[in-house]
Each structure stands twice: as structure tokens, then as C-alpha cells.
Amino acid sequence: MTEAPLSVSLRGIELVDVNYGIAEMLKRESQAPRLASFFSQPQLTDYDVGPGDVLQVFIWEAPPAMLFTPQALSGTGLSSSGTGTVALPQQIVGNSGTIFVPFAGKIAVDGKTLAEIETEITNRLRGKANHPQVIVQLARNNTQNITVVGNVQHSMEVPMSPGGVKLLRALALAGGVTKPVEKTTIQISRDGRSMTLPLEAILRNPQDNIALKSGDVVTALYQPLSFTALGAIGRNGEVDFEANGISLAQALARIGGLDDNRSNPAGVFLFRMVPPNALPWPQKPTALVDGKVPTIFQFNLRDPATLFAAQSFPVENKDLIYVSDAPAADLQKVLNVVGSIVYPFQTLQSFGVIR
């Protein structure tokens, strides 16, 4: 691993002369891990019913029907097709985790799959109905959902489906994002862990379109990233850039490049607070601000090799880029000041105002 060539320490501020190795190292560090590797993929299992879900039960009885006949069901509010087929009204699973089935009683359904509930009801009806068969349907899923919020058309809960729900499908069901794709990041929170990745990166890499898990929270964030540029450049100010990131070379191009008349190509500096383990420092930094090292990265753009480094060096949010004046430009400033004093004096002398 290439060591950071530490030029000087200025009262705890580390000055690093950037080369291609350092630029590539920081580029690798800035690349977020893939969603597919950060989150384990949920196993597709049968749906487990929970309190709040809505179920509907259908019962068939083989002819000749003994239990679910029109005569037996009269006065119960239930209807039969005359062939021993009964559709029970939809029921919300209460906090007790049970539903009620006529002639079978209360059925515990909390934590059970639909197939397990069907078996339980069938066993309860054996001996009472003639070869009963039962189908249980999930009429409404109220317990296993994915929450989608943020800069989307409709913040909503997306219900889990038997085949699973992937990230982009959840966003599509919420109406899609409302801000430009290149300036939107997606945060997934699961089991106390969170990760954020640019939406553009997810679209480019199908592996990051991961299957979501019940309880996941997907947040679409519009957070314009920006850097500040000062000094001998084409345009001073704060400049926004895409969530996917830009290089120093791209940043310099966006601010109009260096001013040919007064900039010093060897004096391009980038100010940043970096984590202590971001670079292999020759000596471990001791002066930390909020746990980070105040660092100035210096670029000598007179060196062609540094131009290659500038193409790889990643610009981060809230970076400050400063381009110093050339020594000749400083001299010219002094001459301009002197000229502003001398020339008016000579003019007044020529007109006889000053003798």
C-alpha cells in the first residue's frame, strides 16, 4: 500500500502531496459496499399470519352434505350453494391470534401458514362434515409490509407477496421518485442497520436491486452534494454535483478551470476532514477534530502524472477547493496598486495642479 507522502504538519493540519496511488486508494475507500453484500438476501418462505391480517375461509363438503346444508345454516347468516360449499365472511385476526369457524370453534392462526390453518380447520371438521376440504385465503396483508417514504410520489406500505418484493418494484409501486435520478440516494434500514446508495448506481447494477424483507424501510433522499471553490479560478462559489460523485478533474472543469492569467497550477489544494484510517500516515495523526483529521491535499498540475491522479481523486460533499495565485500575479497586484498611486500623481503634475 502506498504511503501518503506527508509534506508538513501545520499545527495538526496534515498536508498531503497527492499522487496517483493516493487518488486510487481514496477512490476505492469512497466506493460504498454493494447492497447485495451488505444485506443478506431473505429466504422466500410461506406467509405467516399475524394479528391484523384479514382471512377468508372457504369450506367444501362432499355430497351428500351432512353439515353445511341450507337447512343447517338457516339462521346462522351463512349461505350455502346447495352443494355443500360455504364462503365464510372475512375475519380480522385479533390480538388473541384466532379466528372463528362455525362447528370448528376458535382456530389459533398467529404465526401459522395458510396451509397449516387449512389443515387445522379440516381436522376440526372431520367427523362432523362429509370429507371436508378447506381453502384459506389472505384477503388483506396488514402485518408483513415494506415502508417506502421520502421523495416518492406516494409514501406507503408495500405488502409482501409470495414471490418477494425487490427494491425497484417497491419504489415503482410508490409512484417512483420525485427528484432527478442522478441526485437521489436510496437508504435501506433493516434490523437496526442502514445503508445508502445512489439510485443511479442501483439502476446500473442489477445485483443491487435486492429482495426486501418484511419490516424494511426504504427512504428516497434528495440530498444535493456540493463543493466550494475559491481562488484563481474561472468561477468562485458553491457547486452541486451528482450523488454518484465526481473527480477533481471534473470539479475543476465545472468551475471554469484555472485562470490562465493569475493561477498557480502547482498550488491546487483540497481541504477535507478525513477519518484517521483513510490513509497510511507515516506518523499517526494526533490532532483530531470530531474524530477526523484536518487534511489539505495538494495537487501540482504542472506534473502530467498529477493530471491522471486528478481524474481518479474523488470529490466529496462539503469539500473546499482552493487555487492559489501565481507569484507573478502577486507581483502584478503590487504594481497595480503602485500604478494607481503614481499615474494620477503624474497626470496632475502635467496639468500644473501639483508642482
Foldseek 3Di string as FASTA:
>chain_A
DDFFPFDDQDPQATETADFQVLLQLLLVVPDDDFLPVVDPADDQDFDADAAFWKKKKKKAFQPPKQAQAQVNCPPVPWDDPRRRITIDDIDGQHNVQWDQDPQQGIDRRGRHGQVVSQVSSQVSCPVPTHNMGMGMDGPDDDQFWEFEDAQAQAGDTHHADSVFDWDVNVRVVSHHGDDDQQQKWKWKDDPRDIDIDRSVVCVVDVSSRGGDGGPIYIYIYRDWFWEFEDEQAQAGGIDTDTPVFAFQVVVCVVRHHGNPVWFQLQFKKKWDWAAQPSGNHPDRRDDHDVRTGTYIYTANVVDVSSVSSRRSRTDGGHMYIYTYTDPVNVVVVVVVVVCVVPVVVVVCVVVVVDD
